[in-house]
Every structure is written in structure tokens, then in C-alpha cells.
Amino acid sequence: LSSRDDKGNAVKGETLLHDTHDCYIDSPKRLTACVGLSNLIIVDTEDALLVADKSRSQEVKNIYETLKHQGHEAYKLHRTVLR
């Protein structure tokens, strides 16, 4: 749903892209530089950094399940709580 540049990249935040196409990059808090990438999802939050192949985006649930199994607080608690 995001607007895309001429190489098919959807970007939120400050980025430098070189030979990068068909990527979704959401990194609002810091500069993200990408070189020679294609078909990736990159989401940088205060909690974690996610880098995934777009064609395997549904497998992110496996990361969630692993965190839950390990008892890691990231699976249930977001660092930023809005009240």
C-alpha cells in the first residue's frame, strides 16, 4: 500500500539505496543503507530488527513462536507502551 520508487522500493525513514529493488524498508529512527538487495522486508524498531525475504513473510510467525517457547519477553511485551 506504500508508494514505491522507480525501482519498486517502499521506504519509511531515511535511507540510502544502491542497486536495491523491490524492498520494503521501515526504519524511522535511524539511517538505513542497503546495497545490492532485492525482494526483502526490513523493519527496524526499538524492540528488534527484522530482515526477511518477501516470499517468506508468513514465516515470521515462526520467530514469534520460538520467542514464546523460549519465554522471551519480546513475544508478549512491546518496549514502547502508549497509555
Protein backbone atom coordinates (compact mmCIF):
# COMPACT_ATOMS: atom_id res chain seq x y z
CA LEU A 1 0.00 0.00 0.00
CA SER A 2 3.01 2.30 0.35
CA SER A 3 4.18 4.40 -2.56
CA ARG A 4 7.17 2.98 -4.38
CA ASP A 5 10.18 4.49 -6.08
CA ASP A 6 11.20 3.75 -9.68
CA LYS A 7 12.90 0.51 -8.55
CA GLY A 8 9.89 -0.81 -6.62
CA ASN A 9 11.14 0.09 -3.13
CA ALA A 10 8.71 1.26 -0.44
CA VAL A 11 10.59 3.26 2.18
CA LYS A 12 9.73 4.81 5.55
CA GLY A 13 12.56 6.75 7.15
CA GLU A 14 15.96 7.95 5.99
CA THR A 15 17.61 5.53 3.58
CA LEU A 16 20.48 5.29 1.13
CA LEU A 17 19.84 2.69 -1.55
CA HIS A 18 22.35 1.39 -4.07
CA ASP A 19 21.37 -1.32 -6.54
CA THR A 20 18.37 -2.21 -4.36
CA HIS A 21 14.95 -3.08 -5.73
CA ASP A 22 11.56 -4.45 -4.69
CA CYS A 23 12.24 -3.97 -0.97
CA TYR A 24 10.08 -2.70 1.89
CA ILE A 25 12.18 -0.73 4.38
CA ASP A 26 10.66 0.73 7.56
CA SER A 27 13.33 2.38 9.70
CA PRO A 28 12.05 5.68 11.10
CA LYS A 29 14.64 6.20 13.85
CA ARG A 30 17.98 5.72 12.10
CA LEU A 31 19.62 5.80 8.71
CA THR A 32 19.40 2.50 6.84
CA ALA A 33 21.79 1.83 3.96
CA CYS A 34 21.13 -1.01 1.53
CA VAL A 35 23.50 -2.31 -1.13
CA GLY A 36 22.64 -4.95 -3.72
CA LEU A 37 19.40 -6.11 -2.13
CA SER A 38 16.19 -7.36 -3.69
CA ASN A 39 12.82 -8.63 -2.52
CA LEU A 40 13.43 -8.02 1.21
CA ILE A 41 11.40 -6.74 4.12
CA ILE A 42 13.44 -4.69 6.60
CA VAL A 43 11.70 -3.35 9.72
CA ASP A 44 13.76 -1.65 12.42
CA THR A 45 12.00 -0.84 15.70
CA GLU A 46 13.22 -0.14 19.21
CA ASP A 47 12.46 -3.77 20.07
CA ALA A 48 14.07 -5.63 17.22
CA LEU A 49 15.33 -5.67 13.66
CA LEU A 50 13.54 -7.90 11.16
CA VAL A 51 15.10 -8.82 7.82
CA ALA A 52 13.10 -11.30 5.75
CA ASP A 53 12.66 -12.41 2.18
CA LYS A 54 9.28 -11.14 0.97
CA SER A 55 8.36 -14.54 -0.38
CA ARG A 56 8.70 -15.98 3.15
CA SER A 57 6.98 -13.22 5.13
CA GLN A 58 4.39 -15.63 6.53
CA GLU A 59 7.19 -17.44 8.35
CA VAL A 60 7.63 -14.51 10.74
CA LYS A 61 5.09 -16.36 12.90
CA ASN A 62 7.81 -19.00 13.45
CA ILE A 63 10.02 -16.35 15.04
CA TYR A 64 7.14 -15.37 17.31
CA GLU A 65 6.57 -19.00 18.32
CA THR A 66 10.28 -19.51 19.04
CA LEU A 67 10.38 -16.40 21.23
CA LYS A 68 7.27 -17.60 23.05
CA HIS A 69 8.74 -21.07 23.58
CA GLN A 70 11.94 -19.55 24.97
CA GLY A 71 9.96 -17.30 27.31
CA HIS A 72 11.48 -14.20 25.75
CA GLU A 73 9.59 -11.07 26.76
CA ALA A 74 9.62 -9.73 23.19
CA TYR A 75 6.84 -12.09 22.16
CA LYS A 76 4.36 -10.50 24.58
CA LEU A 77 5.71 -7.11 25.55
CA HIS A 78 6.48 -4.17 23.31
CA ARG A 79 9.16 -1.82 24.69
CA THR A 80 7.05 1.23 23.93
CA VAL A 81 3.75 1.26 25.80
CA LEU A 82 1.29 4.01 24.93
CA ARG A 83 -1.25 4.90 27.60
